Protein backbone atom coordinates (compact mmCIF):
# COMPACT_ATOMS: atom_id res chain seq x y z
CA MET A 1 -9.87 23.48 -14.52
CA ALA A 2 -11.09 20.07 -13.43
CA ALA A 3 -14.63 19.51 -12.22
CA VAL A 4 -15.09 19.94 -8.47
CA ALA A 5 -17.15 17.67 -6.24
CA PRO A 6 -20.16 19.64 -4.91
CA ASP A 7 -19.52 21.62 -1.73
CA ARG A 8 -16.37 19.72 -0.78
CA ALA A 9 -13.33 21.85 -0.15
CA LEU A 10 -9.86 20.26 -0.04
CA VAL A 11 -8.61 20.45 3.55
CA PHE A 12 -5.01 19.43 4.27
CA ILE A 13 -4.30 17.92 7.67
CA GLY A 14 -1.31 16.23 9.30
CA PHE A 15 1.45 16.41 11.88
CA MET A 16 3.66 19.44 12.25
CA GLY A 17 6.44 19.49 9.66
CA ALA A 18 4.52 17.27 7.24
CA GLY A 19 4.34 19.93 4.54
CA LYS A 20 0.61 20.68 4.66
CA SER A 21 0.97 24.35 3.74
CA ALA A 22 3.20 23.65 0.72
CA ALA A 23 0.92 20.86 -0.48
CA ALA A 24 -2.14 23.09 -0.12
CA ARG A 25 -0.44 25.82 -2.16
CA GLU A 26 0.31 23.27 -4.92
CA ALA A 27 -3.29 22.06 -5.01
CA ALA A 28 -4.63 25.60 -4.90
CA ALA A 29 -2.43 26.64 -7.80
CA SER A 30 -3.77 23.66 -9.80
CA VAL A 31 -7.35 24.89 -9.46
CA GLY A 32 -6.54 28.59 -9.70
CA VAL A 33 -7.31 29.72 -6.15
CA ARG A 34 -5.32 30.92 -3.12
CA ALA A 35 -4.73 28.45 -0.28
CA LEU A 36 -6.00 29.43 3.17
CA ASP A 37 -3.61 28.58 6.04
CA THR A 38 -5.21 28.59 9.48
CA ASP A 39 -1.91 29.10 11.32
CA ARG A 40 -1.21 32.27 9.31
CA MET A 41 -4.84 33.43 9.65
CA LEU A 42 -4.69 32.89 13.42
CA GLU A 43 -1.46 34.87 13.68
CA GLU A 44 -3.11 37.75 11.83
CA ARG A 45 -6.20 37.59 14.06
CA LEU A 46 -4.21 37.44 17.33
CA GLY A 47 -1.43 39.77 16.24
CA CYS A 48 1.35 37.42 17.29
CA THR A 49 3.10 34.22 16.21
CA VAL A 50 1.74 30.78 17.07
CA GLN A 51 4.58 30.29 19.58
CA GLU A 52 3.81 33.65 21.24
CA ALA A 53 0.11 32.73 21.36
CA PHE A 54 0.99 29.43 23.07
CA ASP A 55 3.08 31.30 25.64
CA ARG A 56 0.42 33.99 26.17
CA PHE A 57 -2.74 31.85 26.39
CA GLY A 58 -1.37 28.38 27.21
CA GLU A 59 -2.20 25.43 24.95
CA ALA A 60 -5.85 25.27 26.08
CA GLY A 61 -6.39 28.95 25.38
CA PHE A 62 -4.64 28.70 22.03
CA ARG A 63 -6.83 25.74 21.04
CA GLU A 64 -9.98 27.75 21.82
CA HIS A 65 -8.91 30.51 19.45
CA GLU A 66 -7.86 27.92 16.85
CA GLN A 67 -11.15 26.02 17.08
CA ARG A 68 -13.21 29.19 16.65
CA LEU A 69 -11.34 30.16 13.50
CA CYS A 70 -11.31 26.64 11.99
CA VAL A 71 -15.02 26.06 12.52
CA GLU A 72 -15.90 29.46 11.01
CA LEU A 73 -13.70 28.74 8.00
CA LEU A 74 -14.85 25.16 7.41
CA GLU A 75 -18.55 26.02 7.77
CA ARG A 76 -18.40 28.64 5.03
CA ALA A 77 -15.96 26.72 2.77
CA ARG A 78 -17.26 25.56 -0.59
CA ALA A 79 -16.09 23.52 -3.55
CA GLY A 80 -12.88 24.93 -4.98
CA ASP A 81 -11.56 26.18 -1.63
CA VAL A 82 -8.22 24.78 -0.44
CA ILE A 83 -7.41 25.00 3.26
CA SER A 84 -4.46 23.94 5.42
CA LEU A 85 -5.19 23.26 9.11
CA GLY A 86 -2.65 23.46 11.91
CA GLY A 87 -1.35 20.10 13.14
CA GLY A 88 -3.39 20.11 16.36
CA ALA A 89 -6.57 21.63 14.94
CA VAL A 90 -8.28 18.25 14.49
CA LEU A 91 -8.01 17.57 18.24
CA SER A 92 -11.18 19.65 18.52
CA GLU A 93 -14.42 17.69 18.18
CA ALA A 94 -16.16 20.79 16.79
CA THR A 95 -13.46 21.19 14.12
CA ARG A 96 -13.70 17.49 13.19
CA ALA A 97 -17.48 17.84 12.83
CA ALA A 98 -17.06 20.86 10.53
CA LEU A 99 -14.38 18.98 8.56
CA ALA A 100 -16.59 15.94 7.95
CA ARG A 101 -18.35 17.26 4.82
CA HIS A 102 -15.07 18.17 3.09
CA THR A 103 -12.27 16.09 1.55
CA ALA A 104 -9.62 15.66 4.24
CA VAL A 105 -6.15 15.17 2.73
CA LEU A 106 -3.53 13.79 5.12
CA ILE A 107 0.05 14.70 4.32
CA ASP A 108 1.83 11.61 5.65
CA VAL A 109 5.27 11.98 7.15
CA ASP A 110 7.46 9.77 9.35
CA VAL A 111 8.45 11.04 12.76
CA GLU A 112 12.14 11.41 11.86
CA THR A 113 11.36 13.70 8.93
CA ALA A 114 8.80 15.64 10.94
CA TRP A 115 11.32 16.30 13.74
CA SER A 116 14.01 17.41 11.31
CA ARG A 117 11.59 19.92 9.79
CA ALA A 118 9.88 21.16 12.96
CA SER A 119 12.51 21.36 15.69
CA GLY A 120 14.26 24.69 16.16
CA ARG A 121 11.69 26.46 13.96
CA GLY A 122 9.67 28.22 16.64
CA ARG A 123 7.09 25.44 17.02
CA PRO A 124 6.00 25.22 20.66
CA LEU A 125 5.47 21.43 20.62
CA ALA A 126 8.76 20.65 18.90
CA ARG A 127 11.12 21.56 21.70
CA ASP A 128 11.58 18.12 23.28
CA ARG A 129 12.32 15.08 21.07
CA ALA A 130 10.81 12.43 23.38
CA ALA A 131 7.60 14.44 23.89
CA PHE A 132 7.46 15.06 20.14
CA GLU A 133 7.60 11.31 19.40
CA ARG A 134 4.87 10.58 21.97
CA LEU A 135 2.68 13.27 20.41
CA TYR A 136 3.24 11.77 16.93
CA ALA A 137 2.23 8.30 18.12
CA THR A 138 -0.87 9.70 19.81
CA ARG A 139 -2.10 11.64 16.80
CA GLU A 140 -1.29 9.19 13.98
CA SER A 141 -4.47 7.12 14.36
CA LEU A 142 -6.61 10.27 14.56
CA TYR A 143 -5.21 11.65 11.30
CA LEU A 144 -5.67 8.30 9.54
CA ALA A 145 -9.26 7.98 10.76
CA LEU A 146 -10.13 11.41 9.34
CA ALA A 147 -8.30 11.10 6.02
CA ASP A 148 -10.14 10.71 2.73
CA ALA A 149 -6.78 10.86 0.96
CA ILE A 150 -3.21 10.19 2.06
CA LEU A 151 -0.31 11.82 0.21
CA PRO A 152 3.34 11.21 1.11
CA GLY A 153 5.01 14.34 2.41
CA ARG A 154 8.35 13.64 0.79
CA GLU A 155 8.32 15.21 -2.67
CA ARG A 156 7.23 18.53 -4.09
CA GLY A 157 4.70 18.17 -6.88
CA THR A 158 2.78 15.26 -5.34
CA ALA A 159 -0.26 17.37 -4.39
CA ARG A 160 -0.33 18.93 -7.87
CA ARG A 161 -0.29 15.50 -9.54
CA ALA A 162 -2.95 14.14 -7.17
CA THR A 163 -5.32 17.11 -7.48
CA PRO A 164 -7.44 15.73 -10.38
CA TRP A 165 -8.38 12.72 -8.22
CA LEU A 166 -8.75 14.78 -5.02
CA LEU A 167 -11.28 17.02 -6.72
CA GLU A 168 -13.38 14.07 -7.86
CA LEU A 169 -13.12 12.07 -4.64
CA GLY A 170 -16.57 11.32 -3.27
CA GLU A 171 -18.23 9.07 -0.75
CA GLY A 172 -17.09 5.46 -0.80
CA VAL A 173 -13.57 5.98 -2.15
CA ARG A 174 -10.28 6.93 -0.51
CA LEU A 175 -7.03 7.85 -2.21
CA LEU A 176 -3.47 6.78 -1.46
CA TRP A 177 -0.75 8.34 -3.57
CA ALA A 178 2.09 6.00 -4.54
CA THR A 179 5.56 7.27 -5.33
CA ALA A 180 8.62 5.50 -6.63
CA ARG A 181 11.78 6.65 -8.38
CA SER A 182 10.36 5.86 -11.84
CA ALA A 183 6.69 6.83 -11.40
CA SER A 184 3.90 7.98 -9.14
CA TYR A 185 0.25 6.96 -9.37
CA PRO A 186 -3.12 6.98 -7.61
CA VAL A 187 -4.40 4.07 -5.54
CA LEU A 188 -8.19 4.30 -5.07
CA ILE A 189 -9.69 2.12 -2.31
CA GLY A 190 -13.39 1.67 -1.66
CA ARG A 191 -16.58 0.16 -3.01
CA ARG A 192 -16.81 2.80 -5.75
CA ALA A 193 -13.14 2.62 -6.68
CA LEU A 194 -13.85 1.13 -10.12
CA GLU A 195 -16.06 4.15 -10.94
CA VAL A 196 -13.14 6.53 -10.44
CA ARG A 197 -12.68 9.67 -12.50
CA PRO A 198 -10.38 10.38 -14.18
CA TRP A 199 -9.44 6.86 -15.27
CA PRO A 200 -5.71 6.47 -14.51
CA ALA A 201 -4.55 5.76 -18.09
CA ARG A 202 -5.39 7.13 -21.50
CA GLY A 203 -6.37 5.21 -24.65
CA ARG A 204 -8.38 2.05 -25.09
CA ARG A 205 -8.58 -0.60 -22.38
CA PHE A 206 -7.42 -4.17 -23.07
CA VAL A 207 -8.52 -6.30 -20.14
CA ILE A 208 -6.48 -9.36 -19.15
CA SER A 209 -8.14 -11.60 -16.60
CA ASP A 210 -8.50 -15.26 -15.76
CA GLU A 211 -11.42 -17.39 -16.89
CA THR A 212 -13.15 -17.22 -13.50
CA VAL A 213 -12.68 -13.57 -12.59
CA GLY A 214 -13.29 -12.28 -16.12
CA GLY A 215 -16.75 -13.77 -16.20
CA ARG A 216 -17.59 -12.65 -12.68
CA HIS A 217 -16.29 -9.07 -12.64
CA GLY A 218 -15.43 -8.17 -16.24
CA ALA A 219 -18.51 -5.95 -16.64
CA ARG A 220 -17.13 -3.61 -13.92
CA ILE A 221 -14.43 -2.40 -16.34
CA GLY A 222 -16.84 -0.71 -18.75
CA SER A 223 -16.47 -1.28 -22.49
CA PRO A 224 -12.92 -2.37 -23.23
CA ALA A 225 -11.49 -2.79 -26.74
CA ALA A 226 -10.83 -6.47 -25.99
CA ARG A 227 -11.05 -9.01 -23.19
CA LEU A 228 -8.25 -11.59 -22.96
CA THR A 229 -8.22 -14.50 -20.55
CA MET A 230 -5.79 -17.02 -19.11
CA ALA A 231 -6.37 -20.14 -17.05
CA PRO A 232 -6.39 -19.47 -13.28
CA GLY A 233 -3.59 -20.61 -10.99
CA GLU A 234 0.13 -20.20 -10.40
CA GLU A 235 0.86 -23.19 -12.66
CA HIS A 236 -0.29 -21.06 -15.63
CA LYS A 237 2.01 -18.14 -14.85
CA THR A 238 4.36 -19.26 -17.60
CA LEU A 239 6.24 -18.01 -20.63
CA ALA A 240 3.75 -19.91 -22.80
CA THR A 241 0.81 -17.98 -21.34
CA PHE A 242 2.76 -14.74 -21.67
CA GLU A 243 3.50 -15.38 -25.37
CA ARG A 244 -0.10 -16.27 -26.15
CA LEU A 245 -1.43 -13.10 -24.50
CA GLN A 246 1.13 -10.92 -26.29
CA ARG A 247 0.06 -12.36 -29.65
CA GLU A 248 -3.62 -11.85 -28.75
CA LEU A 249 -2.90 -8.20 -27.90
CA THR A 250 -1.38 -7.85 -31.35
CA ARG A 251 -4.34 -9.48 -33.11
CA ALA A 252 -6.74 -7.28 -31.09
CA GLY A 253 -4.97 -4.19 -32.40
CA ALA A 254 -3.50 -2.82 -29.16
CA GLY A 255 -1.16 0.11 -29.81
CA ARG A 256 1.24 2.31 -27.87
CA GLY A 257 -1.55 4.75 -27.02
CA ASP A 258 -3.59 2.02 -25.29
CA HIS A 259 -3.22 0.27 -21.96
CA VAL A 260 -3.74 -3.07 -20.22
CA VAL A 261 -6.17 -3.56 -17.34
CA ALA A 262 -5.06 -6.40 -15.08
CA LEU A 263 -8.31 -7.72 -13.54
CA GLY A 264 -7.61 -10.53 -11.10
CA GLY A 265 -5.37 -11.80 -8.34
CA GLY A 266 -1.62 -11.87 -8.00
CA VAL A 267 -1.04 -14.25 -10.89
CA VAL A 268 -3.07 -12.16 -13.34
CA GLY A 269 -1.45 -8.98 -12.05
CA ASP A 270 2.05 -10.39 -12.56
CA VAL A 271 1.38 -11.79 -16.03
CA ALA A 272 -0.70 -8.86 -17.34
CA GLY A 273 1.79 -6.40 -15.86
CA PHE A 274 4.65 -8.23 -17.60
CA CYS A 275 2.70 -8.15 -20.87
CA ALA A 276 2.26 -4.38 -20.48
CA ALA A 277 5.91 -3.89 -19.51
CA THR A 278 7.14 -5.55 -22.70
CA TYR A 279 4.39 -5.07 -25.32
CA GLN A 280 5.81 -2.70 -27.94
CA ARG A 281 8.54 -1.97 -25.34
CA GLY A 282 6.01 -0.90 -22.74
CA ILE A 283 2.44 0.39 -22.41
CA PRO A 284 0.63 1.42 -19.18
CA VAL A 285 -1.15 -1.05 -16.94
CA VAL A 286 -3.99 -0.35 -14.50
CA GLN A 287 -4.13 -2.95 -11.76
CA VAL A 288 -7.60 -4.00 -10.52
CA PRO A 289 -6.85 -6.58 -7.82
CA THR A 290 -9.66 -8.99 -6.93
CA THR A 291 -7.97 -11.16 -4.28
CA LEU A 292 -6.76 -10.25 -0.82
CA VAL A 293 -3.14 -11.11 -1.60
CA ALA A 294 -3.25 -8.73 -4.57
CA GLN A 295 -5.13 -5.97 -2.73
CA VAL A 296 -2.70 -5.88 0.20
CA ASP A 297 0.54 -6.64 -1.63
CA SER A 298 1.17 -7.69 -5.21
CA ALA A 299 -0.77 -4.98 -7.08
CA TYR A 300 1.62 -2.28 -5.80
CA GLY A 301 5.28 -1.72 -6.42
CA GLY A 302 5.66 -2.64 -10.08
CA LYS A 303 7.02 -6.19 -9.90
CA THR A 304 5.76 -8.23 -12.86
CA GLY A 305 6.81 -11.55 -14.34
CA VAL A 306 6.30 -15.26 -14.84
CA ASP A 307 7.71 -18.45 -13.32
CA LEU A 308 10.12 -20.99 -14.75
CA PRO A 309 10.09 -24.65 -13.69
CA GLU A 310 13.46 -23.89 -12.09
CA GLY A 311 12.29 -20.91 -10.04
CA LYS A 312 9.43 -18.57 -9.15
CA ASN A 313 9.37 -15.11 -10.76
CA TYR A 314 12.61 -15.84 -12.61
CA VAL A 315 11.59 -13.81 -15.70
CA GLY A 316 10.13 -10.37 -15.24
CA ALA A 317 10.44 -6.60 -15.16
CA TYR A 318 9.74 -3.63 -12.95
CA HIS A 319 6.77 -1.74 -14.40
CA GLN A 320 4.91 0.62 -12.07
CA PRO A 321 1.15 0.73 -12.70
CA ALA A 322 -0.61 3.84 -13.95
CA GLY A 323 -3.10 3.31 -11.14
CA VAL A 324 -4.50 0.69 -8.77
CA LEU A 325 -8.26 0.42 -8.19
CA VAL A 326 -9.21 -1.57 -5.09
CA ASP A 327 -12.82 -2.53 -4.40
CA VAL A 328 -12.72 -4.53 -1.16
CA GLY A 329 -16.29 -5.63 -1.93
CA LEU A 330 -14.88 -7.93 -4.61
CA LEU A 331 -13.47 -10.10 -1.83
CA GLU A 332 -17.03 -11.15 -0.94
CA THR A 333 -17.08 -13.45 -3.99
CA LEU A 334 -13.69 -15.00 -3.18
CA PRO A 335 -13.62 -18.67 -2.11
CA GLU A 336 -12.67 -19.00 1.56
CA ALA A 337 -9.39 -20.78 0.77
CA GLU A 338 -8.28 -17.93 -1.51
CA LEU A 339 -9.26 -15.34 1.10
CA ALA A 340 -7.34 -17.25 3.76
CA ALA A 341 -4.26 -17.39 1.54
CA GLY A 342 -4.24 -13.60 1.36
CA ARG A 343 -4.28 -13.32 5.12
CA ALA A 344 -0.70 -14.61 5.25
CA GLU A 345 0.45 -11.50 3.37
CA VAL A 346 -1.59 -9.40 5.81
CA VAL A 347 0.23 -11.00 8.77
CA LYS A 348 3.58 -10.49 7.01
CA THR A 349 2.86 -6.82 6.35
CA ALA A 350 1.68 -6.31 9.93
CA LEU A 351 4.95 -7.77 11.25
CA ILE A 352 6.85 -5.31 9.06
CA ALA A 353 4.71 -2.31 10.01
CA GLY A 354 4.28 -2.97 13.75
CA GLY A 355 2.24 -0.39 15.66
CA ARG A 356 -1.39 0.19 14.68
CA LEU A 357 -1.45 -2.39 11.87
CA TRP A 358 0.09 -5.15 13.99
CA GLU A 359 -2.42 -4.44 16.76
CA ARG A 360 -5.34 -4.66 14.29
CA VAL A 361 -4.15 -7.92 12.76
CA ALA A 362 -3.20 -9.48 16.09
CA ALA A 363 -6.83 -8.81 17.10
CA GLY A 364 -8.04 -10.77 14.05
CA HIS A 365 -8.86 -7.97 11.58
CA PHE A 366 -7.49 -9.58 8.42
CA ASP A 367 -9.50 -8.36 5.44
CA ASP A 368 -11.59 -5.28 6.20
CA GLU A 369 -11.08 -2.04 4.28
CA GLU A 370 -9.00 -0.39 7.03
CA THR A 371 -6.58 -3.31 7.11
CA VAL A 372 -6.28 -3.36 3.31
CA LEU A 373 -5.58 0.38 3.31
CA ASP A 374 -2.98 0.12 6.08
CA CYS A 375 -1.23 -2.76 4.29
CA ALA A 376 -1.13 -0.80 1.04
CA ARG A 377 0.20 2.27 2.88
CA THR A 378 2.95 0.16 4.46
CA LYS A 379 4.04 -1.39 1.18
CA LEU A 380 3.96 1.91 -0.70
CA ALA A 381 6.20 3.53 1.93
CA VAL A 382 8.75 0.72 1.54
CA VAL A 383 8.69 0.91 -2.26
CA ALA A 384 9.03 4.70 -2.15
CA ALA A 385 12.27 4.27 -0.21
CA ASP A 386 13.66 1.51 -2.47
CA GLU A 387 11.96 0.73 -5.78
CA ARG A 388 14.41 -1.85 -7.14
CA ASP A 389 15.15 -4.16 -4.20
CA GLY A 390 18.50 -2.53 -3.52
CA GLY A 391 17.98 -2.49 0.23
CA ARG A 392 14.91 -1.80 2.34
CA ARG A 393 12.42 -3.31 -0.13
CA GLN A 394 13.96 -6.70 0.62
CA ILE A 395 12.09 -6.72 3.94
CA LEU A 396 8.92 -7.39 1.91
CA ASN A 397 10.41 -10.83 1.24
CA LEU A 398 9.81 -11.80 4.87
CA GLY A 399 8.67 -15.44 4.78
CA HIS A 400 9.10 -15.61 1.00
CA THR A 401 12.52 -17.25 0.72
CA ILE A 402 11.29 -20.53 2.16
CA GLY A 403 7.75 -19.85 0.87
CA HIS A 404 8.89 -19.56 -2.75
CA ALA A 405 11.04 -22.68 -2.37
CA LEU A 406 7.98 -24.59 -1.13
CA GLU A 407 5.92 -23.44 -4.13
CA THR A 408 8.63 -24.38 -6.61
CA ALA A 409 9.52 -27.73 -5.02
CA THR A 410 5.86 -28.76 -5.00
CA GLY A 411 5.29 -27.78 -8.64
CA TYR A 412 3.22 -24.61 -8.01
CA GLY A 413 0.01 -26.61 -7.65
CA THR A 414 0.08 -27.99 -4.11
CA LEU A 415 0.24 -24.83 -2.01
CA ARG A 416 -1.31 -21.45 -2.74
CA HIS A 417 1.18 -18.60 -2.61
CA GLY A 418 -0.25 -17.32 0.66
CA GLU A 419 -0.22 -20.77 2.22
CA ALA A 420 3.46 -21.13 1.36
CA VAL A 421 4.22 -17.63 2.70
CA GLY A 422 2.46 -18.47 5.97
CA LEU A 423 4.71 -21.50 6.42
CA GLY A 424 7.68 -19.37 5.40
CA LEU A 425 6.77 -16.85 8.12
CA LEU A 426 6.86 -19.57 10.76
CA ALA A 427 10.28 -20.68 9.54
CA ALA A 428 11.56 -17.07 9.45
CA LEU A 429 10.42 -16.49 13.02
CA ARG A 430 12.20 -19.68 14.10
CA LEU A 431 15.35 -18.44 12.35
CA SER A 432 14.84 -15.13 14.18
CA GLY A 433 14.92 -16.95 17.51
CA LEU A 434 11.49 -15.60 18.48
CA GLY A 435 9.67 -18.64 19.79
CA ASP A 436 6.92 -16.72 21.56
CA LEU A 437 6.15 -14.55 18.53
CA ARG A 438 6.25 -17.67 16.34
CA GLY A 439 3.63 -19.20 18.60
CA GLN A 440 1.46 -16.07 18.37
CA VAL A 441 1.74 -16.00 14.57
CA ARG A 442 1.00 -19.73 14.38
CA GLU A 443 -2.25 -19.11 16.26
CA LEU A 444 -3.05 -16.18 13.95
CA LEU A 445 -2.49 -18.35 10.87
CA LEU A 446 -4.76 -21.04 12.28
CA ARG A 447 -7.40 -18.40 13.04
CA ALA A 448 -7.00 -17.16 9.46
CA GLY A 449 -7.69 -20.64 8.10
CA LEU A 450 -4.13 -21.32 6.96
CA PRO A 451 -1.99 -24.46 7.30
CA VAL A 452 0.79 -24.41 9.89
CA ALA A 453 2.47 -27.65 8.78
CA LEU A 454 3.68 -29.01 5.45
CA PRO A 455 1.33 -31.25 3.48
CA ALA A 456 2.24 -34.91 3.63
CA GLY A 457 4.85 -36.02 1.15
CA VAL A 458 6.66 -32.73 0.65
CA ASP A 459 10.34 -33.46 -0.04
CA ARG A 460 12.20 -31.20 2.43
CA VAL A 461 15.55 -31.96 0.80
CA ALA A 462 14.15 -30.70 -2.51
CA VAL A 463 12.89 -27.56 -0.77
CA LEU A 464 16.38 -26.83 0.58
CA GLU A 465 17.91 -27.45 -2.85
CA VAL A 466 15.48 -25.08 -4.56
CA MET A 467 16.20 -22.47 -1.91
CA GLN A 468 19.84 -22.43 -2.99
CA ARG A 469 18.68 -21.18 -6.41
CA ASP A 470 16.73 -18.29 -4.86
CA LYS A 471 17.16 -15.24 -7.09
CA LYS A 472 18.18 -13.16 -4.07
CA ARG A 473 21.26 -15.37 -3.62
CA VAL A 474 24.56 -13.49 -3.28
CA GLY A 475 27.46 -15.77 -4.21
CA ASP A 476 26.88 -18.98 -2.28
CA THR A 477 24.75 -17.32 0.36
CA VAL A 478 20.98 -16.94 0.42
CA PRO A 479 20.16 -13.96 2.67
CA PHE A 480 17.10 -14.08 4.92
CA VAL A 481 14.74 -11.46 6.28
CA LEU A 482 14.55 -11.83 10.04
CA VAL A 483 12.40 -10.25 12.72
CA ARG A 484 13.48 -8.62 15.98
CA GLY A 485 9.92 -7.69 16.87
CA PRO A 486 6.78 -6.32 15.17
CA GLY A 487 7.92 -3.18 13.36
CA ASP A 488 11.61 -4.15 13.46
CA VAL A 489 12.51 -6.36 10.47
CA ARG A 490 16.03 -6.72 9.00
CA HIS A 491 17.07 -7.92 5.55
CA GLY A 492 20.35 -9.46 4.38
CA GLN A 493 20.73 -11.74 7.40
CA VAL A 494 23.01 -14.79 7.13
CA VAL A 495 21.85 -18.01 8.78
CA GLU A 496 23.81 -21.25 9.19
CA PRO A 497 22.55 -24.07 6.88
CA ASP A 498 21.89 -26.43 9.79
CA VAL A 499 19.60 -23.85 11.40
CA VAL A 500 17.69 -23.38 8.14
CA ARG A 501 17.35 -27.15 7.73
CA ALA A 502 15.97 -27.46 11.25
CA ALA A 503 13.42 -24.68 10.64
CA VAL A 504 12.16 -26.45 7.48
CA GLU A 505 12.07 -29.83 9.23
CA GLU A 506 10.03 -28.27 12.05
CA LEU A 507 7.32 -27.37 9.50
CA ALA A 508 6.72 -31.07 8.92
CA VAL A 509 5.62 -31.55 12.51
């Protein structure tokens, strides 16, 4: 049995139909106890089903009975207890107060899945679809605000795999659980994330970082077997760097029982991840992102690789990390230009997510812990649905088709990745025919400290030529990701060449 954090029970919360009871039973089985389900306990106490109690007492009367039971249970709960609360239990302020000293585990589910599981099953608030969707939207922010951990409610076994980290979760760290077809792994977010137990991979640690970050934050990784460095910057994300690091891993004695720690921004994460994906045909990698662009985007999802002079990310592999450790406090040492570059990925992710995240970012919250967590949650949900870019994951390329072409055409040294993505977003919104939203995003990019026009001297013809070699090209057509509105983004869209040319030309103004 794993060690248990003092006095903190695991308490599963979430919307109806999320799978809280099943997840609680999995976690309870992992620690050798019986899960306590407040809905079942309330039915035993009242002598009727939840639906009958709703009909007999009305919702207000039912909530009074529910609150009394939940508060009693949570006040006497101790470490090792596993509890599942009814979906509406956390509406009570008294219940939330009693929950505060425990580890709240949100089982995250989309509204479509929740409806398919809850409707027609005797649930009193799942009788009307429109009312159900309004209730979901109302409660989502409350659940997220309470959650110390967020587990996707899609697959059986997730709670069991996450339990070792749930039991150790303390103040200053929150857990997201990432799932993909090939792997699942913990994402720890918070100022104590690098102190996490258990460490996500076994064996000795071989840290790969860049010369700046390694010296600044390398001591946070403990006592690795070796520390390897590369020069900072996209222009060093090359096959030559990759070969040198692979040979240094060999000389340092790394074996198949060891793992790589990628300590740095997106470039380090891509190169170190590619080294791990291919070294002795694959060893684990733990991503420790230190830049905003890496913390909100590139550290998740398993894309690794290097650039060629002919194209960005042309050589690479999918290799899901064994874990991602995100200390948002590391951003405090980031130069302002690097921080600003990451904000473009935040704006992109907010456009994809819509709803709560778009509202936060539109209000100027670019790089706080809540925004980082929401961005990671959005990306992980997309990757869970499509790990290998076969469909939905392509929406994450919003702004990147023109952005990557700008980076390549300017030799990878003129524009930071985020700066190029920001310009790509403006072009994508023009291609989407959303002038007003383009104007709003332009103001956001300016507020974020990002350029909204091409640097002088950029060859727009060269940009368009490079775009035709985009690795997402299908036949002679380069598909675009377009926006219909925040939260409604479509991939695989065909745009006439003249329209694309005009959108790129507009960036020069």
